[in-house]
Amino acid sequence: MSVIPVNYHQTLAELKQRISTAKYKSLLAVNQELILLYLDIGQILSQKLKSGWGDSIIDNLANDIQAEYNGLKGFSSRNLRRMRLVYEYTKGNEFWTQLVSKIPWGHTNLVFAKVKEEKQRIFYLQMCQNRGWSRSVLEEEIKFDSYSKQENFQHNFLKTLSENELSEHRLEFRDEYNLSFLELEDTHTEKQLENAMVENISKTLGQFGNNFAFMGRQFRLELDEKEYFIDLLFYHRKLKLMVAIELKTTEFKPEHSQQLNWYLHLLDKTVKYPEDNPSIGILLCKSKSKLTVEYALELVNKPMGVATYNYRQLPKEIAKYLPTEEDFNRIIGDIDDL
């Protein structure tokens, strides 16, 4: 048996990375070609219908195409009509063409079927691209109205972050988090909430986003022989910063933001690496008064936001769309392969 060189495993990891990247790029290229085909078909159908063809002719085309290519999926009459709709919506706009070409057609189909506002369509398509949402996760996010949750997120980023940082940071957080999968009772303690989130860490990370990496619970900070503990600490791989989350099973109180502001100060002074960006804090509360939050955030100088959580158990027909641990691991694997 040959002796394994010292750097063997490093080389193996590099080769696996290159193979995975090539596979991803190959699948991406195939998807882009397929989307371009669908847009070409959409253009032809759009032109024919404008020239006087009746809409019912699309049914004939679908039947004849499927008869010619037995077993070929994706060319039902409904899908052909969607090709025409997407083409007419995106024609002449390179931004839209690039956007829909980078995600599976089923995702685009779902967004155009369920979402009518342009800004919301852009949001969901971009999130699919950036976070690798599966189609079932996308459907759940649309039902949960994640766009509004993102838009309504209360924070003090305007005064604590640079203009360049602001847009990216806002997209990573939301005003309400759907923690129904924790199956909490109506009355629960912060410890019960924390335990449930950690025990279901894969689904918890699925809610926060696939750029979040879990660093620990009750993360210990020390200063002048006194200890302080952050409920949950994460690292955001894209933003390159720590995210401290404090859990409150009550309505938001102004002193909560002062406490978190102190924790963030200690975190940046004693834990943060020089190359990391300043840490961000999120207060996750059972409820909040938007006006109280607005006033309280004016008094703190560290970047933070205040969100609520939805903890009521979901019906089984909805809960089944939440990502499983296998889904989460697959998403992380895909991101790592980029």
Protein backbone atom coordinates (compact mmCIF):
# COMPACT_ATOMS: atom_id res chain seq x y z
CA MET A 1 0.00 0.00 0.00
CA SER A 2 1.45 3.37 -1.04
CA VAL A 3 2.17 6.08 1.52
CA ILE A 4 -0.35 8.92 1.39
CA PRO A 5 1.40 12.29 0.93
CA VAL A 6 0.94 14.95 3.58
CA ASN A 7 -1.08 17.23 1.29
CA TYR A 8 -3.18 14.39 -0.21
CA HIS A 9 -6.47 15.34 1.45
CA GLN A 10 -6.03 18.98 0.54
CA THR A 11 -5.50 17.99 -3.10
CA LEU A 12 -8.49 15.64 -2.99
CA ALA A 13 -10.68 18.42 -1.62
CA GLU A 14 -9.49 20.75 -4.39
CA LEU A 15 -10.29 18.18 -7.10
CA LYS A 16 -13.75 17.53 -5.63
CA GLN A 17 -14.36 21.28 -5.53
CA ARG A 18 -13.42 21.64 -9.22
CA ILE A 19 -15.60 18.69 -10.24
CA SER A 20 -18.57 20.05 -8.30
CA THR A 21 -18.08 23.51 -9.80
CA ALA A 22 -17.93 22.07 -13.30
CA LYS A 23 -21.10 20.06 -12.69
CA TYR A 24 -22.90 23.14 -11.40
CA LYS A 25 -21.78 25.25 -14.38
CA SER A 26 -22.89 22.49 -16.75
CA LEU A 27 -26.36 22.33 -15.18
CA LEU A 28 -26.55 26.13 -15.21
CA ALA A 29 -25.63 26.23 -18.91
CA VAL A 30 -28.31 23.63 -19.73
CA ASN A 31 -30.89 25.59 -17.76
CA GLN A 32 -29.98 28.84 -19.53
CA GLU A 33 -30.32 27.21 -22.94
CA LEU A 34 -33.70 25.81 -21.96
CA ILE A 35 -34.91 29.21 -20.74
CA LEU A 36 -33.76 30.84 -23.98
CA LEU A 37 -35.73 28.19 -25.89
CA TYR A 38 -38.84 28.94 -23.83
CA LEU A 39 -38.44 32.67 -24.46
CA ASP A 40 -38.03 32.02 -28.21
CA ILE A 41 -41.22 29.97 -28.20
CA GLY A 42 -42.92 32.74 -26.20
CA GLN A 43 -41.86 35.28 -28.83
CA ILE A 44 -43.25 33.17 -31.69
CA LEU A 45 -46.56 32.65 -29.89
CA SER A 46 -46.79 36.35 -29.05
CA GLN A 47 -46.27 37.34 -32.68
CA LYS A 48 -48.79 34.77 -33.99
CA LEU A 49 -51.50 35.80 -31.58
CA LYS A 50 -50.97 39.47 -32.43
CA SER A 51 -51.26 38.59 -36.13
CA GLY A 52 -54.74 37.16 -35.62
CA TRP A 53 -54.34 33.62 -34.29
CA GLY A 54 -56.87 32.67 -31.64
CA ASP A 55 -55.70 31.71 -28.16
CA SER A 56 -57.21 28.22 -28.53
CA ILE A 57 -54.61 27.40 -31.18
CA ILE A 58 -52.11 27.06 -28.33
CA ASP A 59 -53.99 23.94 -27.18
CA ASN A 60 -53.52 22.43 -30.65
CA LEU A 61 -49.82 23.26 -30.63
CA ALA A 62 -49.35 21.68 -27.20
CA ASN A 63 -51.08 18.47 -28.27
CA ASP A 64 -49.11 18.20 -31.51
CA ILE A 65 -45.75 18.92 -29.86
CA GLN A 66 -46.36 16.30 -27.16
CA ALA A 67 -47.51 13.79 -29.78
CA GLU A 68 -44.30 14.37 -31.75
CA TYR A 69 -42.03 14.17 -28.71
CA ASN A 70 -43.71 11.49 -26.64
CA GLY A 71 -42.93 11.86 -22.93
CA LEU A 72 -41.29 15.28 -23.30
CA LYS A 73 -42.33 17.49 -20.39
CA GLY A 74 -42.68 21.25 -20.24
CA PHE A 75 -44.84 21.88 -23.31
CA SER A 76 -48.36 21.74 -21.94
CA SER A 77 -50.79 24.40 -23.14
CA ARG A 78 -50.54 26.12 -19.75
CA ASN A 79 -46.75 26.22 -19.97
CA LEU A 80 -46.84 27.52 -23.52
CA ARG A 81 -49.12 30.35 -22.40
CA ARG A 82 -46.70 31.08 -19.57
CA MET A 83 -43.83 31.24 -22.08
CA ARG A 84 -45.72 33.87 -24.00
CA LEU A 85 -46.51 35.83 -20.82
CA VAL A 86 -42.91 35.76 -19.57
CA TYR A 87 -41.58 36.75 -22.99
CA GLU A 88 -43.94 39.71 -23.28
CA TYR A 89 -43.02 40.81 -19.77
CA THR A 90 -39.26 40.53 -20.26
CA LYS A 91 -38.77 41.43 -23.95
CA GLY A 92 -36.26 44.19 -24.60
CA ASN A 93 -35.11 44.17 -20.97
CA GLU A 94 -31.73 42.53 -20.47
CA PHE A 95 -32.09 42.64 -16.67
CA TRP A 96 -35.23 40.50 -16.74
CA THR A 97 -33.80 38.10 -19.32
CA GLN A 98 -30.69 37.54 -17.19
CA LEU A 99 -32.82 37.14 -14.07
CA VAL A 100 -35.11 34.41 -15.39
CA SER A 101 -32.29 32.59 -17.19
CA LYS A 102 -30.43 31.87 -13.94
CA ILE A 103 -33.14 29.94 -12.11
CA PRO A 104 -35.25 26.89 -13.06
CA TRP A 105 -38.27 27.58 -15.25
CA GLY A 106 -40.61 26.06 -12.65
CA HIS A 107 -39.58 28.81 -10.22
CA THR A 108 -40.22 31.54 -12.79
CA ASN A 109 -43.53 29.91 -13.67
CA LEU A 110 -44.59 29.89 -10.02
CA VAL A 111 -43.57 33.51 -9.41
CA PHE A 112 -45.47 34.78 -12.46
CA ALA A 113 -48.51 32.72 -11.51
CA LYS A 114 -48.66 33.77 -7.84
CA VAL A 115 -47.12 37.27 -7.77
CA LYS A 116 -48.45 40.24 -9.73
CA GLU A 117 -46.37 43.25 -8.60
CA GLU A 118 -43.09 43.81 -10.46
CA LYS A 119 -41.00 44.64 -7.37
CA GLN A 120 -42.24 41.51 -5.65
CA ARG A 121 -41.48 39.35 -8.70
CA ILE A 122 -37.93 40.71 -8.79
CA PHE A 123 -37.53 40.05 -5.06
CA TYR A 124 -38.63 36.40 -5.22
CA LEU A 125 -36.63 35.65 -8.37
CA GLN A 126 -33.49 37.20 -6.87
CA MET A 127 -33.95 35.30 -3.61
CA CYS A 128 -34.25 32.04 -5.57
CA GLN A 129 -31.00 32.87 -7.32
CA ASN A 130 -29.11 34.08 -4.24
CA ARG A 131 -30.37 31.57 -1.67
CA GLY A 132 -30.97 28.50 -3.77
CA TRP A 133 -34.62 28.13 -2.75
CA SER A 134 -36.28 24.93 -3.89
CA ARG A 135 -39.68 25.30 -5.55
CA SER A 136 -41.53 24.16 -2.42
CA VAL A 137 -39.61 26.66 -0.27
CA LEU A 138 -40.38 29.41 -2.79
CA GLU A 139 -44.09 28.58 -2.62
CA GLU A 140 -44.02 28.74 1.19
CA GLU A 141 -42.14 32.05 1.14
CA ILE A 142 -44.75 33.55 -1.19
CA LYS A 143 -47.57 32.33 1.09
CA PHE A 144 -45.77 33.84 4.08
CA ASP A 145 -45.47 37.15 2.15
CA SER A 146 -41.73 37.32 2.68
CA TYR A 147 -41.49 40.39 0.44
CA SER A 148 -43.53 42.49 2.88
CA LYS A 149 -41.65 41.03 5.84
CA GLN A 150 -38.40 42.17 4.22
CA GLU A 151 -39.71 45.62 3.29
CA ASN A 152 -41.13 46.31 6.76
CA PHE A 153 -38.04 45.27 8.71
CA GLN A 154 -37.32 47.90 11.40
CA HIS A 155 -33.65 48.78 11.84
CA ASN A 156 -31.23 51.63 12.39
CA PHE A 157 -29.00 50.74 9.43
CA LEU A 158 -29.47 54.17 7.85
CA LYS A 159 -27.38 55.82 10.57
CA THR A 160 -25.04 52.93 11.44
CA LEU A 161 -24.04 51.57 8.01
CA SER A 162 -22.55 53.09 4.88
CA GLU A 163 -24.70 53.59 1.80
CA ASN A 164 -22.92 50.71 0.04
CA GLU A 165 -23.62 48.33 2.91
CA LEU A 166 -27.24 49.31 3.40
CA SER A 167 -28.89 47.52 0.47
CA GLU A 168 -27.11 44.21 1.03
CA HIS A 169 -27.69 44.18 4.78
CA ARG A 170 -31.42 44.92 4.51
CA LEU A 171 -32.01 41.97 2.19
CA GLU A 172 -30.65 39.53 4.75
CA PHE A 173 -33.21 40.26 7.47
CA ARG A 174 -36.99 40.46 7.80
CA ASP A 175 -39.65 41.94 10.04
CA GLU A 176 -41.17 38.59 11.00
CA TYR A 177 -39.74 35.08 11.08
CA ASN A 178 -41.87 32.00 10.60
CA LEU A 179 -40.89 29.68 13.47
CA SER A 180 -44.11 27.65 13.37
CA PHE A 181 -42.09 24.48 12.77
CA LEU A 182 -40.93 24.70 16.40
CA GLU A 183 -44.50 23.77 17.50
CA LEU A 184 -44.32 25.96 20.60
CA GLU A 185 -47.17 26.32 23.03
CA ASP A 186 -48.84 29.74 23.24
CA THR A 187 -47.12 30.29 26.57
CA HIS A 188 -43.39 29.53 26.46
CA THR A 189 -40.18 30.80 28.02
CA GLU A 190 -37.10 32.25 26.36
CA LYS A 191 -35.21 29.08 27.30
CA GLN A 192 -37.87 26.91 25.62
CA LEU A 193 -37.70 29.08 22.51
CA GLU A 194 -33.90 28.91 22.47
CA ASN A 195 -33.89 25.14 23.03
CA ALA A 196 -36.40 24.58 20.22
CA MET A 197 -34.42 26.73 17.78
CA VAL A 198 -31.16 24.95 18.55
CA GLU A 199 -32.74 21.48 18.43
CA ASN A 200 -34.14 22.39 14.99
CA ILE A 201 -31.05 24.31 13.89
CA SER A 202 -31.24 23.20 10.25
CA LYS A 203 -34.76 24.58 9.83
CA THR A 204 -33.86 27.63 11.89
CA LEU A 205 -30.96 28.37 9.56
CA GLY A 206 -33.30 27.78 6.64
CA GLN A 207 -35.45 30.65 7.94
CA PHE A 208 -32.55 33.04 8.47
CA GLY A 209 -30.81 32.21 5.20
CA ASN A 210 -28.11 29.91 3.88
CA ASN A 211 -25.36 32.48 4.50
CA PHE A 212 -25.81 32.11 8.25
CA ALA A 213 -23.43 29.80 10.13
CA PHE A 214 -24.24 28.86 13.73
CA MET A 215 -21.51 29.84 16.23
CA GLY A 216 -23.19 28.91 19.48
CA ARG A 217 -25.84 29.48 22.13
CA GLN A 218 -25.39 31.46 25.35
CA PHE A 219 -22.18 32.77 23.80
CA ARG A 220 -20.01 33.99 26.67
CA LEU A 221 -18.52 37.49 26.79
CA GLU A 222 -16.35 38.66 29.67
CA LEU A 223 -15.20 42.07 30.84
CA ASP A 224 -13.81 43.19 34.20
CA GLU A 225 -14.52 39.77 35.76
CA LYS A 226 -18.19 39.97 34.75
CA GLU A 227 -19.90 37.60 32.33
CA TYR A 228 -22.49 38.33 29.66
CA PHE A 229 -24.26 35.80 27.44
CA ILE A 230 -25.66 36.24 23.94
CA ASP A 231 -28.65 33.94 23.34
CA LEU A 232 -27.67 32.88 19.81
CA LEU A 233 -24.62 33.90 17.79
CA PHE A 234 -24.23 33.41 14.03
CA TYR A 235 -21.63 34.34 11.43
CA HIS A 236 -22.82 35.71 8.09
CA ARG A 237 -20.53 34.37 5.40
CA LYS A 238 -21.47 36.87 2.70
CA LEU A 239 -21.46 40.01 4.85
CA LYS A 240 -18.46 38.74 6.87
CA LEU A 241 -19.80 39.70 10.25
CA MET A 242 -21.28 38.22 13.41
CA VAL A 243 -25.02 38.37 14.04
CA ALA A 244 -26.12 38.36 17.67
CA ILE A 245 -29.73 37.34 18.26
CA GLU A 246 -31.48 38.07 21.53
CA LEU A 247 -34.75 36.25 22.19
CA LYS A 248 -37.64 37.92 24.00
CA THR A 249 -40.92 36.09 24.61
CA THR A 250 -42.58 39.37 25.57
CA GLU A 251 -43.38 42.63 23.81
CA PHE A 252 -40.35 44.71 22.83
CA LYS A 253 -39.08 47.09 25.53
CA PRO A 254 -36.58 49.94 24.98
CA GLU A 255 -34.14 48.45 27.49
CA HIS A 256 -33.83 45.38 25.24
CA SER A 257 -32.08 47.46 22.57
CA GLN A 258 -29.75 49.04 25.14
CA GLN A 259 -28.74 45.60 26.38
CA LEU A 260 -28.07 44.34 22.86
CA ASN A 261 -26.13 47.51 22.03
CA TRP A 262 -23.78 46.70 24.94
CA TYR A 263 -23.38 43.09 23.79
CA LEU A 264 -22.48 44.23 20.26
CA HIS A 265 -19.92 46.66 21.65
CA LEU A 266 -18.27 43.86 23.65
CA LEU A 267 -18.46 41.47 20.72
CA ASP A 268 -16.63 43.90 18.43
CA LYS A 269 -14.06 44.76 21.10
CA THR A 270 -13.22 41.26 22.32
CA VAL A 271 -14.24 38.69 19.67
CA LYS A 272 -14.32 40.28 16.21
CA TYR A 273 -11.34 39.71 13.93
CA PRO A 274 -9.78 42.81 12.29
CA GLU A 275 -10.92 41.68 8.84
CA ASP A 276 -14.55 41.22 9.94
CA ASN A 277 -17.18 43.92 9.55
CA PRO A 278 -18.94 45.36 12.63
CA SER A 279 -21.41 42.95 14.21
CA ILE A 280 -25.18 43.26 13.82
CA GLY A 281 -27.85 42.53 16.41
CA ILE A 282 -31.39 41.24 15.98
CA LEU A 283 -33.97 41.39 18.74
CA LEU A 284 -36.51 38.64 18.11
CA CYS A 285 -39.62 39.46 20.14
CA LYS A 286 -43.07 37.99 20.56
CA SER A 287 -44.65 41.34 19.66
CA LYS A 288 -43.72 44.99 19.26
CA SER A 289 -45.02 48.52 18.95
CA LYS A 290 -43.52 49.95 15.77
CA LEU A 291 -43.44 53.47 17.22
CA THR A 292 -41.67 52.31 20.40
CA VAL A 293 -39.11 50.43 18.30
CA GLU A 294 -38.55 53.47 16.10
CA TYR A 295 -37.84 55.72 19.07
CA ALA A 296 -35.69 53.14 20.88
CA LEU A 297 -33.45 52.52 17.85
CA GLU A 298 -32.67 56.24 17.69
CA LEU A 299 -30.80 55.87 21.00
CA VAL A 300 -28.39 53.07 20.04
CA ASN A 301 -25.26 53.39 17.92
CA LYS A 302 -24.69 49.78 16.89
CA PRO A 303 -26.45 48.31 13.81
CA MET A 304 -29.50 46.33 14.88
CA GLY A 305 -33.06 45.51 13.97
CA VAL A 306 -36.18 44.38 15.78
CA ALA A 307 -38.33 41.55 14.44
CA THR A 308 -41.15 39.35 15.68
CA TYR A 309 -41.66 35.63 15.30
CA ASN A 310 -44.66 33.58 14.25
CA TYR A 311 -44.78 30.51 16.47
CA ARG A 312 -48.22 29.03 15.85
CA GLN A 313 -48.18 25.51 14.45
CA LEU A 314 -48.70 25.29 10.72
CA PRO A 315 -51.27 22.99 9.14
CA LYS A 316 -49.63 19.81 7.86
CA GLU A 317 -50.34 20.70 4.22
CA ILE A 318 -48.21 23.84 4.66
CA ALA A 319 -45.63 22.49 7.10
CA LYS A 320 -44.59 19.86 4.58
CA TYR A 321 -43.06 22.61 2.42
CA LEU A 322 -40.51 23.59 5.07
CA PRO A 323 -36.99 22.47 4.17
CA THR A 324 -35.89 19.23 5.75
CA GLU A 325 -32.38 18.76 7.11
CA GLU A 326 -31.52 16.99 3.83
CA ASP A 327 -32.82 20.01 1.85
CA PHE A 328 -30.75 22.36 3.97
CA ASN A 329 -27.57 20.31 3.60
CA ARG A 330 -28.12 20.13 -0.16
CA ILE A 331 -28.55 23.91 -0.40
CA ILE A 332 -25.41 24.52 1.62
CA GLY A 333 -23.56 22.03 -0.57
CA ASP A 334 -24.68 23.84 -3.71
CA ILE A 335 -23.56 27.19 -2.30
CA ASP A 336 -20.18 25.78 -1.29
CA ASP A 337 -19.75 24.44 -4.81
CA LEU A 338 -20.01 27.91 -6.37
